[in-house]
Amino acid sequence: TDVESEAGKITVFTPHTEYFKAKQTLIDSFGEIDFEVDDIQFIAQTHTPLAGEDIETFERLLSMLNDVDDVQNIYHSAEY
């Protein structure tokens, strides 16, 4: 688990399997908390740089995925 504090906001990074335990520990320690964001997010730990034609291809792929009704979220590690 990793904790960051920036601009008056605290971000807690923890494995998704420890989500409820981390949340409950915060509530037990600080009482009722008004979480601005209260969900599991998948955040890449490494990034893959894209350039040139790869950017266009990747953006086209993202666009096609966004058009699919069954796709709810798209996670990637591309950096451009």
PDB file of N, CA and C in Angstrom:
ATOM      1  N   THR A   1       0.847  -1.182   0.000  1.00  0.00           N
ATOM      2  CA  THR A   1       0.000   0.000   0.000  1.00  0.00           C
ATOM      3  C   THR A   1       0.885   1.234   0.000  1.00  0.00           C
ATOM      4  N   ASP A   2       0.495   2.221  -0.806  1.00  0.00           N
ATOM      5  CA  ASP A   2       1.255   3.456  -0.928  1.00  0.00           C
ATOM      6  C   ASP A   2       0.281   4.619  -0.786  1.00  0.00           C
ATOM      7  N   VAL A   3       0.704   5.669  -0.099  1.00  0.00           N
ATOM      8  CA  VAL A   3      -0.155   6.825   0.139  1.00  0.00           C
ATOM      9  C   VAL A   3       0.545   8.072  -0.375  1.00  0.00           C
ATOM     10  N   GLU A   4      -0.193   8.897  -1.133  1.00  0.00           N
ATOM     11  CA  GLU A   4       0.334  10.169  -1.630  1.00  0.00           C
ATOM     12  C   GLU A   4      -0.580  11.296  -1.177  1.00  0.00           C
ATOM     13  N   SER A   5       0.017  12.434  -0.850  1.00  0.00           N
ATOM     14  CA  SER A   5      -0.749  13.617  -0.467  1.00  0.00           C
ATOM     15  C   SER A   5      -0.325  14.766  -1.367  1.00  0.00           C
ATOM     16  N   GLU A   6      -1.314  15.364  -2.059  1.00  0.00           N
ATOM     17  CA  GLU A   6      -1.013  16.462  -2.966  1.00  0.00           C
ATOM     18  C   GLU A   6      -2.218  17.396  -3.047  1.00  0.00           C
ATOM     19  N   ALA A   7      -1.973  18.675  -2.866  1.00  0.00           N
ATOM     20  CA  ALA A   7      -3.011  19.712  -2.978  1.00  0.00           C
ATOM     21  C   ALA A   7      -4.208  19.420  -2.074  1.00  0.00           C
ATOM     22  N   GLY A   8      -3.928  18.961  -0.872  1.00  0.00           N
ATOM     23  CA  GLY A   8      -5.000  18.724   0.091  1.00  0.00           C
ATOM     24  C   GLY A   8      -5.786  17.449  -0.138  1.00  0.00           C
ATOM     25  N   LYS A   9      -5.341  16.609  -1.066  1.00  0.00           N
ATOM     26  CA  LYS A   9      -6.022  15.345  -1.348  1.00  0.00           C
ATOM     27  C   LYS A   9      -5.082  14.193  -1.057  1.00  0.00           C
ATOM     28  N   ILE A  10      -5.636  13.135  -0.528  1.00  0.00           N
ATOM     29  CA  ILE A  10      -4.856  11.945  -0.220  1.00  0.00           C
ATOM     30  C   ILE A  10      -5.293  10.836  -1.161  1.00  0.00           C
ATOM     31  N   THR A  11      -4.314  10.185  -1.785  1.00  0.00           N
ATOM     32  CA  THR A  11      -4.578   9.063  -2.684  1.00  0.00           C
ATOM     33  C   THR A  11      -3.939   7.824  -2.085  1.00  0.00           C
ATOM     34  N   VAL A  12      -4.710   6.744  -2.016  1.00  0.00           N
ATOM     35  CA  VAL A  12      -4.216   5.482  -1.470  1.00  0.00           C
ATOM     36  C   VAL A  12      -4.132   4.472  -2.607  1.00  0.00           C
ATOM     37  N   PHE A  13      -2.941   3.913  -2.800  1.00  0.00           N
ATOM     38  CA  PHE A  13      -2.730   2.865  -3.791  1.00  0.00           C
ATOM     39  C   PHE A  13      -2.578   1.552  -3.038  1.00  0.00           C
ATOM     40  N   THR A  14      -3.395   0.581  -3.389  1.00  0.00           N
ATOM     41  CA  THR A  14      -3.342  -0.719  -2.728  1.00  0.00           C
ATOM     42  C   THR A  14      -3.792  -1.777  -3.725  1.00  0.00           C
ATOM     43  N   PRO A  15      -3.343  -3.012  -3.581  1.00  0.00           N
ATOM     44  CA  PRO A  15      -3.845  -4.053  -4.489  1.00  0.00           C
ATOM     45  C   PRO A  15      -5.368  -4.149  -4.397  1.00  0.00           C
ATOM     46  N   HIS A  16      -6.007  -4.464  -5.522  1.00  0.00           N
ATOM     47  CA  HIS A  16      -7.469  -4.507  -5.532  1.00  0.00           C
ATOM     48  C   HIS A  16      -8.028  -5.497  -4.515  1.00  0.00           C
ATOM     49  N   THR A  17      -7.248  -6.512  -4.181  1.00  0.00           N
ATOM     50  CA  THR A  17      -7.707  -7.498  -3.201  1.00  0.00           C
ATOM     51  C   THR A  17      -7.734  -6.927  -1.787  1.00  0.00           C
ATOM     52  N   GLU A  18      -7.055  -5.798  -1.561  1.00  0.00           N
ATOM     53  CA  GLU A  18      -6.994  -5.166  -0.244  1.00  0.00           C
ATOM     54  C   GLU A  18      -7.861  -3.910  -0.158  1.00  0.00           C
ATOM     55  N   TYR A  19      -8.672  -3.652  -1.175  1.00  0.00           N
ATOM     56  CA  TYR A  19      -9.479  -2.428  -1.249  1.00  0.00           C
ATOM     57  C   TYR A  19     -10.358  -2.235  -0.014  1.00  0.00           C
ATOM     58  N   PHE A  20     -11.196  -3.215   0.296  1.00  0.00           N
ATOM     59  CA  PHE A  20     -12.119  -3.051   1.417  1.00  0.00           C
ATOM     60  C   PHE A  20     -11.364  -2.896   2.735  1.00  0.00           C
ATOM     61  N   LYS A  21     -10.303  -3.668   2.916  1.00  0.00           N
ATOM     62  CA  LYS A  21      -9.515  -3.590   4.150  1.00  0.00           C
ATOM     63  C   LYS A  21      -8.907  -2.192   4.317  1.00  0.00           C
ATOM     64  N   ALA A  22      -8.353  -1.632   3.236  1.00  0.00           N
ATOM     65  CA  ALA A  22      -7.759  -0.290   3.297  1.00  0.00           C
ATOM     66  C   ALA A  22      -8.824   0.759   3.591  1.00  0.00           C
ATOM     67  N   LYS A  23      -9.973   0.646   2.927  1.00  0.00           N
ATOM     68  CA  LYS A  23     -11.059   1.605   3.145  1.00  0.00           C
ATOM     69  C   LYS A  23     -11.557   1.535   4.583  1.00  0.00           C
ATOM     70  N   GLN A  24     -11.747   0.328   5.093  1.00  0.00           N
ATOM     71  CA  GLN A  24     -12.244   0.167   6.456  1.00  0.00           C
ATOM     72  C   GLN A  24     -11.238   0.692   7.476  1.00  0.00           C
ATOM     73  N   THR A  25      -9.954   0.508   7.222  1.00  0.00           N
ATOM     74  CA  THR A  25      -8.915   1.029   8.111  1.00  0.00           C
ATOM     75  C   THR A  25      -8.968   2.553   8.162  1.00  0.00           C
ATOM     76  N   LEU A  26      -9.162   3.200   7.016  1.00  0.00           N
ATOM     77  CA  LEU A  26      -9.285   4.662   6.987  1.00  0.00           C
ATOM     78  C   LEU A  26     -10.503   5.124   7.776  1.00  0.00           C
ATOM     79  N   ILE A  27     -11.632   4.460   7.584  1.00  0.00           N
ATOM     80  CA  ILE A  27     -12.858   4.832   8.300  1.00  0.00           C
ATOM     81  C   ILE A  27     -12.697   4.610   9.795  1.00  0.00           C
ATOM     82  N   ASP A  28     -12.089   3.483  10.182  1.00  0.00           N
ATOM     83  CA  ASP A  28     -11.870   3.200  11.606  1.00  0.00           C
ATOM     84  C   ASP A  28     -10.937   4.229  12.237  1.00  0.00           C
ATOM     85  N   SER A  29      -9.957   4.699  11.471  1.00  0.00           N
ATOM     86  CA  SER A  29      -8.974   5.644  12.004  1.00  0.00           C
ATOM     87  C   SER A  29      -9.474   7.082  12.042  1.00  0.00           C
ATOM     88  N   PHE A  30     -10.258   7.481  11.039  1.00  0.00           N
ATOM     89  CA  PHE A  30     -10.642   8.886  10.908  1.00  0.00           C
ATOM     90  C   PHE A  30     -12.140   9.141  10.993  1.00  0.00           C
ATOM     91  N   GLY A  31     -12.923   8.121  11.237  1.00  0.00           N
ATOM     92  CA  GLY A  31     -14.373   8.305  11.298  1.00  0.00           C
ATOM     93  C   GLY A  31     -14.969   8.392   9.909  1.00  0.00           C
ATOM     94  N   GLU A  32     -16.162   8.932   9.835  1.00  0.00           N
ATOM     95  CA  GLU A  32     -16.854   9.037   8.547  1.00  0.00           C
ATOM     96  C   GLU A  32     -16.056   9.928   7.593  1.00  0.00           C
ATOM     97  N   ILE A  33     -15.775   9.414   6.411  1.00  0.00           N
ATOM     98  CA  ILE A  33     -14.977  10.128   5.418  1.00  0.00           C
ATOM     99  C   ILE A  33     -15.830  10.343   4.174  1.00  0.00           C
ATOM    100  N   ASP A  34     -15.759  11.542   3.615  1.00  0.00           N
ATOM    101  CA  ASP A  34     -16.440  11.836   2.359  1.00  0.00           C
ATOM    102  C   ASP A  34     -15.432  11.617   1.232  1.00  0.00           C
ATOM    103  N   PHE A  35     -15.434  10.407   0.659  1.00  0.00           N
ATOM    104  CA  PHE A  35     -14.495  10.068  -0.404  1.00  0.00           C
ATOM    105  C   PHE A  35     -14.904  10.764  -1.694  1.00  0.00           C
ATOM    106  N   GLU A  36     -13.974  11.487  -2.314  1.00  0.00           N
ATOM    107  CA  GLU A  36     -14.256  12.117  -3.604  1.00  0.00           C
ATOM    108  C   GLU A  36     -14.369  11.048  -4.689  1.00  0.00           C
ATOM    109  N   VAL A  37     -13.471  10.074  -4.638  1.00  0.00           N
ATOM    110  CA  VAL A  37     -13.509   8.913  -5.533  1.00  0.00           C
ATOM    111  C   VAL A  37     -13.396   7.691  -4.646  1.00  0.00           C
ATOM    112  N   ASP A  38     -14.304   6.754  -4.841  1.00  0.00           N
ATOM    113  CA  ASP A  38     -14.345   5.566  -3.990  1.00  0.00           C
ATOM    114  C   ASP A  38     -14.543   4.345  -4.880  1.00  0.00           C
ATOM    115  N   ASP A  39     -13.492   3.981  -5.605  1.00  0.00           N
ATOM    116  CA  ASP A  39     -13.601   2.822  -6.470  1.00  0.00           C
ATOM    117  C   ASP A  39     -12.224   2.251  -6.768  1.00  0.00           C
ATOM    118  N   ILE A  40     -12.251   1.094  -7.401  1.00  0.00           N
ATOM    119  CA  ILE A  40     -11.015   0.442  -7.809  1.00  0.00           C
ATOM    120  C   ILE A  40     -10.673   0.928  -9.208  1.00  0.00           C
ATOM    121  N   GLN A  41      -9.443   1.389  -9.376  1.00  0.00           N
ATOM    122  CA  GLN A  41      -8.962   1.828 -10.680  1.00  0.00           C
ATOM    123  C   GLN A  41      -7.685   1.066 -10.991  1.00  0.00           C
ATOM    124  N   PHE A  42      -7.533   0.693 -12.229  1.00  0.00           N
ATOM    125  CA  PHE A  42      -6.321   0.009 -12.651  1.00  0.00           C
ATOM    126  C   PHE A  42      -5.380   1.053 -13.237  1.00  0.00           C
ATOM    127  N   ILE A  43      -4.238   1.235 -12.598  1.00  0.00           N
ATOM    128  CA  ILE A  43      -3.276   2.258 -12.993  1.00  0.00           C
ATOM    129  C   ILE A  43      -1.972   1.569 -13.388  1.00  0.00           C
ATOM    130  N   ALA A  44      -1.524   1.829 -14.598  1.00  0.00           N
ATOM    131  CA  ALA A  44      -0.302   1.199 -15.098  1.00  0.00           C
ATOM    132  C   ALA A  44       0.906   1.630 -14.273  1.00  0.00           C
ATOM    133  N   GLN A  45       1.761   0.676 -13.972  1.00  0.00           N
ATOM    134  CA  GLN A  45       2.981   0.988 -13.237  1.00  0.00           C
ATOM    135  C   GLN A  45       4.132   1.281 -14.190  1.00  0.00           C
ATOM    136  N   THR A  46       4.016   0.827 -15.424  1.00  0.00           N
ATOM    137  CA  THR A  46       4.990   1.148 -16.464  1.00  0.00           C
ATOM    138  C   THR A  46       4.223   1.691 -17.660  1.00  0.00           C
ATOM    139  N   HIS A  47       4.877   2.502 -18.460  1.00  0.00           N
ATOM    140  CA  HIS A  47       4.225   3.119 -19.607  1.00  0.00           C
ATOM    141  C   HIS A  47       4.945   2.732 -20.896  1.00  0.00           C
ATOM    142  N   THR A  48       4.185   2.659 -21.970  1.00  0.00           N
ATOM    143  CA  THR A  48       4.724   2.329 -23.280  1.00  0.00           C
ATOM    144  C   THR A  48       4.634   3.562 -24.174  1.00  0.00           C
ATOM    145  N   PRO A  49       5.770   4.140 -24.543  1.00  0.00           N
ATOM    146  CA  PRO A  49       5.732   5.342 -25.384  1.00  0.00           C
ATOM    147  C   PRO A  49       5.297   5.009 -26.813  1.00  0.00           C
ATOM    148  N   LEU A  50       4.437   5.864 -27.368  1.00  0.00           N
ATOM    149  CA  LEU A  50       3.990   5.731 -28.754  1.00  0.00           C
ATOM    150  C   LEU A  50       4.415   6.969 -29.522  1.00  0.00           C
ATOM    151  N   ALA A  51       4.693   6.787 -30.806  1.00  0.00           N
ATOM    152  CA  ALA A  51       5.068   7.920 -31.652  1.00  0.00           C
ATOM    153  C   ALA A  51       4.607   7.654 -33.080  1.00  0.00           C
ATOM    154  N   GLY A  52       4.476   8.726 -33.825  1.00  0.00           N
ATOM    155  CA  GLY A  52       4.173   8.638 -35.251  1.00  0.00           C
ATOM    156  C   GLY A  52       2.905   7.886 -35.578  1.00  0.00           C
ATOM    157  N   GLU A  53       3.029   6.933 -36.491  1.00  0.00           N
ATOM    158  CA  GLU A  53       1.897   6.154 -36.975  1.00  0.00           C
ATOM    159  C   GLU A  53       1.239   5.337 -35.867  1.00  0.00           C
ATOM    160  N   ASP A  54       2.027   4.927 -34.889  1.00  0.00           N
ATOM    161  CA  ASP A  54       1.478   4.132 -33.785  1.00  0.00           C
ATOM    162  C   ASP A  54       0.413   4.907 -33.016  1.00  0.00           C
ATOM    163  N   ILE A  55       0.581   6.207 -32.890  1.00  0.00           N
ATOM    164  CA  ILE A  55      -0.406   7.029 -32.179  1.00  0.00           C
ATOM    165  C   ILE A  55      -1.734   7.009 -32.922  1.00  0.00           C
ATOM    166  N   GLU A  56      -1.685   7.188 -34.241  1.00  0.00           N
ATOM    167  CA  GLU A  56      -2.912   7.173 -35.040  1.00  0.00           C
ATOM    168  C   GLU A  56      -3.611   5.821 -34.943  1.00  0.00           C
ATOM    169  N   THR A  57      -2.845   4.748 -35.045  1.00  0.00           N
ATOM    170  CA  THR A  57      -3.410   3.402 -34.957  1.00  0.00           C
ATOM    171  C   THR A  57      -4.030   3.172 -33.592  1.00  0.00           C
ATOM    172  N   PHE A  58      -3.337   3.586 -32.556  1.00  0.00           N
ATOM    173  CA  PHE A  58      -3.837   3.396 -31.193  1.00  0.00           C
ATOM    174  C   PHE A  58      -5.113   4.200 -30.963  1.00  0.00           C
ATOM    175  N   GLU A  59      -5.142   5.443 -31.403  1.00  0.00           N
ATOM    176  CA  GLU A  59      -6.338   6.268 -31.232  1.00  0.00           C
ATOM    177  C   GLU A  59      -7.523   5.698 -32.009  1.00  0.00           C
ATOM    178  N   ARG A  60      -7.262   5.118 -33.175  1.00  0.00           N
ATOM    179  CA  ARG A  60      -8.319   4.473 -33.951  1.00  0.00           C
ATOM    180  C   ARG A  60      -8.857   3.257 -33.193  1.00  0.00           C
ATOM    181  N   LEU A  61      -7.960   2.486 -32.591  1.00  0.00           N
ATOM    182  CA  LEU A  61      -8.375   1.336 -31.780  1.00  0.00           C
ATOM    183  C   LEU A  61      -9.234   1.788 -30.607  1.00  0.00           C
ATOM    184  N   LEU A  62      -8.801   2.824 -29.891  1.00  0.00           N
ATOM    185  CA  LEU A  62      -9.585   3.342 -28.765  1.00  0.00           C
ATOM    186  C   LEU A  62     -10.966   3.796 -29.218  1.00  0.00           C
ATOM    187  N   SER A  63     -11.022   4.455 -30.349  1.00  0.00           N
ATOM    188  CA  SER A  63     -12.296   4.929 -30.885  1.00  0.00           C
ATOM    189  C   SER A  63     -13.224   3.759 -31.192  1.00  0.00           C
ATOM    190  N   MET A  64     -12.681   2.716 -31.807  1.00  0.00           N
ATOM    191  CA  MET A  64     -13.500   1.542 -32.125  1.00  0.00           C
ATOM    192  C   MET A  64     -13.986   0.857 -30.851  1.00  0.00           C
ATOM    193  N   LEU A  65     -13.125   0.754 -29.853  1.00  0.00           N
ATOM    194  CA  LEU A  65     -13.533   0.139 -28.586  1.00  0.00           C
ATOM    195  C   LEU A  65     -14.618   0.960 -27.905  1.00  0.00           C
ATOM    196  N   ASN A  66     -14.504   2.276 -27.943  1.00  0.00           N
ATOM    197  CA  ASN A  66     -15.519   3.146 -27.341  1.00  0.00           C
ATOM    198  C   ASN A  66     -16.873   3.010 -28.021  1.00  0.00           C
ATOM    199  N   ASP A  67     -16.884   2.617 -29.282  1.00  0.00           N
ATOM    200  CA  ASP A  67     -18.137   2.442 -30.013  1.00  0.00           C
ATOM    201  C   ASP A  67     -18.852   1.134 -29.672  1.00  0.00           C
ATOM    202  N   VAL A  68     -18.164   0.213 -29.013  1.00  0.00           N
ATOM    203  CA  VAL A  68     -18.763  -1.072 -28.647  1.00  0.00           C
ATOM    204  C   VAL A  68     -19.556  -0.890 -27.353  1.00  0.00           C
ATOM    205  N   ASP A  69     -20.850  -1.190 -27.400  1.00  0.00           N
ATOM    206  CA  ASP A  69     -21.719  -0.996 -26.233  1.00  0.00           C
ATOM    207  C   ASP A  69     -21.282  -1.809 -25.019  1.00  0.00           C
ATOM    208  N   ASP A  70     -20.697  -2.982 -25.247  1.00  0.00           N
ATOM    209  CA  ASP A  70     -20.311  -3.847 -24.131  1.00  0.00           C
ATOM    210  C   ASP A  70     -19.029  -3.398 -23.432  1.00  0.00           C
ATOM    211  N   VAL A  71     -18.286  -2.488 -24.036  1.00  0.00           N
ATOM    212  CA  VAL A  71     -17.041  -1.993 -23.432  1.00  0.00           C
ATOM    213  C   VAL A  71     -17.387  -0.864 -22.471  1.00  0.00           C
ATOM    214  N   GLN A  72     -17.061  -1.078 -21.196  1.00  0.00           N
ATOM    215  CA  GLN A  72     -17.366  -0.077 -20.173  1.00  0.00           C
ATOM    216  C   GLN A  72     -16.155   0.777 -19.833  1.00  0.00           C
ATOM    217  N   ASN A  73     -14.985   0.175 -19.777  1.00  0.00           N
ATOM    218  CA  ASN A  73     -13.752   0.891 -19.429  1.00  0.00           C
ATOM    219  C   ASN A  73     -12.622   0.382 -20.309  1.00  0.00           C
ATOM    220  N   ILE A  74     -11.687   1.249 -20.586  1.00  0.00           N
ATOM    221  CA  ILE A  74     -10.498   0.876 -21.346  1.00  0.00           C
ATOM    222  C   ILE A  74      -9.280   1.277 -20.520  1.00  0.00           C
ATOM    223  N   TYR A  75      -8.411   0.315 -20.277  1.00  0.00           N
ATOM    224  CA  TYR A  75      -7.184   0.571 -19.527  1.00  0.00           C
ATOM    225  C   TYR A  75      -6.003   0.327 -20.459  1.00  0.00           C
ATOM    226  N   HIS A  76      -5.024   1.194 -20.411  1.00  0.00           N
ATOM    227  CA  HIS A  76      -3.840   1.019 -21.243  1.00  0.00           C
ATOM    228  C   HIS A  76      -2.643   1.689 -20.572  1.00  0.00           C
ATOM    229  N   SER A  77      -1.482   1.368 -21.095  1.00  0.00           N
ATOM    230  CA  SER A  77      -0.256   1.966 -20.559  1.00  0.00           C
ATOM    231  C   SER A  77       0.437   2.829 -21.607  1.00  0.00           C
ATOM    232  N   ALA A  78      -0.284   3.173 -22.666  1.00  0.00           N
ATOM    233  CA  ALA A  78       0.307   3.987 -23.739  1.00  0.00           C
ATOM    234  C   ALA A  78       0.570   5.403 -23.258  1.00  0.00           C
ATOM    235  N   GLU A  79       1.668   5.943 -23.713  1.00  0.00           N
ATOM    236  CA  GLU A  79       2.044   7.314 -23.369  1.00  0.00           C
ATOM    237  C   GLU A  79       2.420   8.034 -24.659  1.00  0.00           C
ATOM    238  N   TYR A  80       1.670   9.115 -24.948  1.00  0.00           N
ATOM    239  CA  TYR A  80       1.950   9.864 -26.179  1.00  0.00           C
ATOM    240  C   TYR A  80       1.571  11.305 -26.030  1.00  0.00           C
TER     241      TYR A  80
END
